[in-house]
Amino acid sequence: MFSEQTWLARIIWGALLVVALWALVEWQLELAFVALATLALSVAPLFVARWADIRVPPSFIAALVIFVAGTLFLGEVFDFYERLWWWDMAMHASSAVGFGLIGFVLMFIMFQGDRFAAPPIAVAFFAFCFAMTIGVLWEIFEFGMDQTFGMNMQKSGLMDTMGDLIVDMIGAMIGAASGFAYLKGQARGGVQQLIDEFVERNPRFFKRWKK
């Protein structure tokens, strides 16, 4: 399970484990908690995929590990959200693109991989809505945390929320457009390879798939 993952993902996992152990020795409990939480969230998809008998491409796992580490560890421990004005936008955009692709794959599974039967516009629209829904739920979560625990996840309030949703929309459009291009046979490079690899690793979901 871990042996087939990319060297980058394994380096990040190792670094997080070292930081967590060092923080515990130095009794820096907050740092230890963030490092362990980041590690747990980044490896959780591996166990979920194994439980669901889904083989996720290592490149997708690597992207997920980078995103979780960037959002939690770099964002909170090293305060990247305050130091780099574009960090929050980058995290939201990348997650929206990822969820857009996930939404596309879920819809593609419903058509059992028949790229000619799946209406490209309908599939792309579902992928877009899926990604936007996740973005909206996250903003609701931020609002709830601020109101319940007195945190400041929304930063400047309405402006921060709307800015995040606009970035989510752009990222969702990119993810949905990538799925649309794939169904049209116009996808190139990493996106096509990623989708093809997922399909080839999970043939039971794509019985009608033809390359």
Protein backbone atom coordinates (compact mmCIF):
# COMPACT_ATOMS: atom_id res chain seq x y z
CA MET A 1 0.00 0.00 0.00
CA PHE A 2 2.72 2.47 0.96
CA SER A 3 5.48 0.95 -1.15
CA GLU A 4 3.83 1.89 -4.46
CA GLN A 5 3.43 5.56 -3.50
CA THR A 6 5.66 8.27 -4.97
CA TRP A 7 8.93 9.20 -3.28
CA LEU A 8 7.57 12.73 -2.69
CA ALA A 9 4.58 11.47 -0.70
CA ARG A 10 6.79 9.20 1.40
CA ILE A 11 9.26 12.02 2.11
CA ILE A 12 6.42 14.27 3.33
CA TRP A 13 5.03 11.48 5.53
CA GLY A 14 8.47 10.84 6.98
CA ALA A 15 9.07 14.53 7.64
CA LEU A 16 5.72 14.89 9.40
CA LEU A 17 6.45 11.88 11.60
CA VAL A 18 9.89 13.25 12.54
CA VAL A 19 8.43 16.67 13.36
CA ALA A 20 5.66 15.09 15.46
CA LEU A 21 8.13 12.98 17.46
CA TRP A 22 10.47 15.95 17.98
CA ALA A 23 7.55 18.13 19.09
CA LEU A 24 6.45 15.50 21.62
CA VAL A 25 9.98 15.26 23.03
CA GLU A 26 10.14 19.06 23.31
CA TRP A 27 6.60 19.08 24.74
CA GLN A 28 5.30 21.35 21.96
CA LEU A 29 1.89 19.75 21.97
CA GLU A 30 0.22 22.10 19.49
CA LEU A 31 2.90 21.45 16.86
CA ALA A 32 2.72 17.71 17.55
CA PHE A 33 -1.07 17.75 17.16
CA VAL A 34 -0.96 19.60 13.82
CA ALA A 35 1.79 17.34 12.46
CA LEU A 36 -0.03 14.16 13.52
CA ALA A 37 -3.37 15.47 12.22
CA THR A 38 -1.77 16.31 8.87
CA LEU A 39 -0.17 12.87 8.72
CA ALA A 40 -3.42 11.11 9.63
CA LEU A 41 -5.52 13.03 7.11
CA SER A 42 -3.00 12.48 4.33
CA VAL A 43 -2.80 8.70 4.82
CA ALA A 44 -6.51 8.19 5.57
CA PRO A 45 -7.48 8.02 1.85
CA LEU A 46 -5.19 4.99 1.46
CA PHE A 47 -7.11 3.05 4.10
CA VAL A 48 -10.49 4.24 2.78
CA ALA A 49 -9.51 3.17 -0.74
CA ARG A 50 -8.35 -0.20 0.54
CA TRP A 51 -11.60 -0.69 2.46
CA ALA A 52 -13.66 0.25 -0.61
CA ASP A 53 -11.43 -1.88 -2.87
CA ILE A 54 -10.53 1.13 -5.02
CA ARG A 55 -7.04 1.50 -6.47
CA VAL A 56 -6.12 5.18 -6.50
CA PRO A 57 -3.22 6.30 -8.74
CA PRO A 58 -0.08 7.20 -6.73
CA SER A 59 0.11 10.58 -8.48
CA PHE A 60 -3.34 11.49 -7.13
CA ILE A 61 -2.33 10.43 -3.62
CA ALA A 62 0.82 12.55 -3.93
CA ALA A 63 -1.24 15.59 -4.95
CA LEU A 64 -3.57 14.99 -2.01
CA VAL A 65 -0.64 14.71 0.42
CA ILE A 66 0.85 17.97 -0.87
CA PHE A 67 -2.51 19.71 -0.54
CA VAL A 68 -3.16 18.51 3.03
CA ALA A 69 0.38 19.40 4.10
CA GLY A 70 0.09 22.81 2.48
CA THR A 71 -3.30 23.55 4.01
CA LEU A 72 -2.72 22.35 7.57
CA PHE A 73 1.00 22.12 8.27
CA LEU A 74 2.46 24.94 6.18
CA GLY A 75 -0.66 27.06 6.49
CA GLU A 76 -1.06 26.82 10.25
CA VAL A 77 2.42 26.04 11.64
CA PHE A 78 4.41 28.31 9.36
CA ASP A 79 1.56 30.81 8.98
CA PHE A 80 1.65 30.77 5.17
CA TYR A 81 -1.87 32.19 5.07
CA GLU A 82 -0.57 35.44 6.55
CA ARG A 83 2.91 35.45 5.00
CA LEU A 84 1.80 34.73 1.44
CA TRP A 85 -1.30 36.60 0.28
CA TRP A 86 -1.93 34.08 -2.51
CA TRP A 87 -1.63 30.92 -0.38
CA ASP A 88 -5.32 30.68 0.54
CA MET A 89 -6.36 31.19 -3.09
CA ALA A 90 -3.90 28.55 -4.28
CA MET A 91 -5.23 26.01 -1.79
CA HIS A 92 -8.86 26.71 -2.70
CA ALA A 93 -8.16 26.62 -6.44
CA SER A 94 -6.22 23.35 -6.32
CA SER A 95 -8.84 21.66 -4.14
CA ALA A 96 -11.64 22.82 -6.46
CA VAL A 97 -9.83 21.41 -9.51
CA GLY A 98 -9.33 18.14 -7.65
CA PHE A 99 -12.96 17.88 -6.54
CA GLY A 100 -14.05 18.76 -10.07
CA LEU A 101 -12.09 15.77 -11.38
CA ILE A 102 -13.48 13.56 -8.60
CA GLY A 103 -17.01 14.63 -9.54
CA PHE A 104 -16.26 13.78 -13.16
CA VAL A 105 -14.96 10.32 -12.25
CA LEU A 106 -18.04 9.62 -10.09
CA MET A 107 -20.33 10.53 -12.97
CA PHE A 108 -18.19 8.56 -15.42
CA ILE A 109 -18.58 5.49 -13.20
CA MET A 110 -22.37 5.80 -13.53
CA PHE A 111 -21.95 5.32 -17.29
CA GLN A 112 -19.53 2.41 -16.65
CA GLY A 113 -16.82 4.19 -18.60
CA ASP A 114 -18.77 4.56 -21.85
CA ARG A 115 -17.31 7.87 -22.97
CA PHE A 116 -19.62 7.94 -26.00
CA ALA A 117 -22.85 7.44 -24.01
CA ALA A 118 -21.99 9.95 -21.30
CA PRO A 119 -23.26 13.43 -22.32
CA PRO A 120 -20.13 15.61 -21.97
CA ILE A 121 -22.03 18.76 -20.96
CA ALA A 122 -24.12 16.94 -18.33
CA VAL A 123 -21.08 15.20 -16.86
CA ALA A 124 -19.10 18.44 -16.77
CA PHE A 125 -22.02 20.26 -15.14
CA PHE A 126 -22.29 17.59 -12.43
CA ALA A 127 -18.53 17.79 -11.82
CA PHE A 128 -18.75 21.57 -11.50
CA CYS A 129 -21.70 21.38 -9.08
CA PHE A 130 -19.97 18.69 -7.02
CA ALA A 131 -16.84 20.79 -6.57
CA MET A 132 -18.83 23.94 -5.76
CA THR A 133 -20.93 22.09 -3.19
CA ILE A 134 -17.78 20.98 -1.37
CA GLY A 135 -16.53 24.58 -1.44
CA VAL A 136 -19.80 25.91 -0.01
CA LEU A 137 -19.85 23.26 2.73
CA TRP A 138 -16.31 24.27 3.70
CA GLU A 139 -17.34 27.93 4.01
CA ILE A 140 -20.27 26.87 6.21
CA PHE A 141 -17.80 24.88 8.32
CA GLU A 142 -15.57 27.95 8.68
CA PHE A 143 -18.56 30.06 9.72
CA GLY A 144 -19.64 27.44 12.26
CA MET A 145 -16.16 27.22 13.78
CA ASP A 146 -15.92 31.00 14.07
CA GLN A 147 -19.33 31.32 15.70
CA THR A 148 -19.00 28.32 17.99
CA PHE A 149 -15.37 28.45 19.10
CA GLY A 150 -14.51 32.09 18.47
CA MET A 151 -11.96 31.26 15.78
CA ASN A 152 -11.06 33.49 12.84
CA MET A 153 -11.17 31.11 9.89
CA GLN A 154 -13.15 33.58 7.78
CA LYS A 155 -10.56 36.31 8.30
CA SER A 156 -12.29 39.42 6.89
CA GLY A 157 -15.73 37.81 6.87
CA LEU A 158 -17.84 38.36 3.77
CA MET A 159 -14.95 39.43 1.52
CA ASP A 160 -12.92 36.35 2.46
CA THR A 161 -15.89 34.03 1.93
CA MET A 162 -16.83 35.50 -1.45
CA GLY A 163 -13.21 35.53 -2.57
CA ASP A 164 -12.87 31.85 -1.65
CA LEU A 165 -16.09 30.95 -3.49
CA ILE A 166 -14.99 32.82 -6.62
CA VAL A 167 -11.67 30.97 -6.60
CA ASP A 168 -13.56 27.71 -5.99
CA MET A 169 -15.74 28.47 -9.01
CA ILE A 170 -12.72 29.02 -11.26
CA GLY A 171 -11.06 25.83 -10.04
CA ALA A 172 -14.30 23.85 -10.43
CA MET A 173 -14.63 25.13 -14.01
CA ILE A 174 -11.09 23.97 -14.79
CA GLY A 175 -11.74 20.53 -13.31
CA ALA A 176 -15.08 20.18 -15.12
CA ALA A 177 -13.56 21.42 -18.39
CA SER A 178 -10.81 18.81 -18.07
CA GLY A 179 -13.45 16.07 -17.78
CA PHE A 180 -15.35 17.53 -20.74
CA ALA A 181 -12.18 17.51 -22.84
CA TYR A 182 -11.52 13.90 -21.85
CA LEU A 183 -14.95 12.77 -23.05
CA LYS A 184 -14.40 14.67 -26.29
CA GLY A 185 -11.05 12.97 -26.76
CA GLN A 186 -9.25 16.30 -26.53
CA ALA A 187 -7.55 15.90 -23.15
CA ARG A 188 -3.78 15.83 -23.20
CA GLY A 189 -0.96 15.32 -20.75
CA GLY A 190 -1.45 14.73 -17.04
CA VAL A 191 -5.26 14.85 -16.90
CA GLN A 192 -5.76 12.15 -19.52
CA GLN A 193 -3.04 9.98 -18.01
CA LEU A 194 -4.53 10.35 -14.53
CA ILE A 195 -8.06 9.40 -15.63
CA ASP A 196 -6.81 6.56 -17.84
CA GLU A 197 -4.72 5.20 -14.98
CA PHE A 198 -7.68 5.29 -12.58
CA VAL A 199 -9.86 3.49 -15.13
CA GLU A 200 -7.23 0.83 -15.82
CA ARG A 201 -6.71 0.24 -12.09
CA ASN A 202 -10.45 -0.19 -11.44
CA PRO A 203 -11.87 -2.14 -14.40
CA ARG A 204 -14.92 -3.39 -12.46
CA PHE A 205 -16.34 0.16 -12.47
CA PHE A 206 -15.74 0.73 -16.19
CA LYS A 207 -17.02 -2.35 -18.01
CA ARG A 208 -17.91 -0.35 -21.13
CA TRP A 209 -14.68 1.60 -21.31
CA LYS A 210 -12.85 1.65 -24.63
CA LYS A 211 -9.60 3.55 -25.02
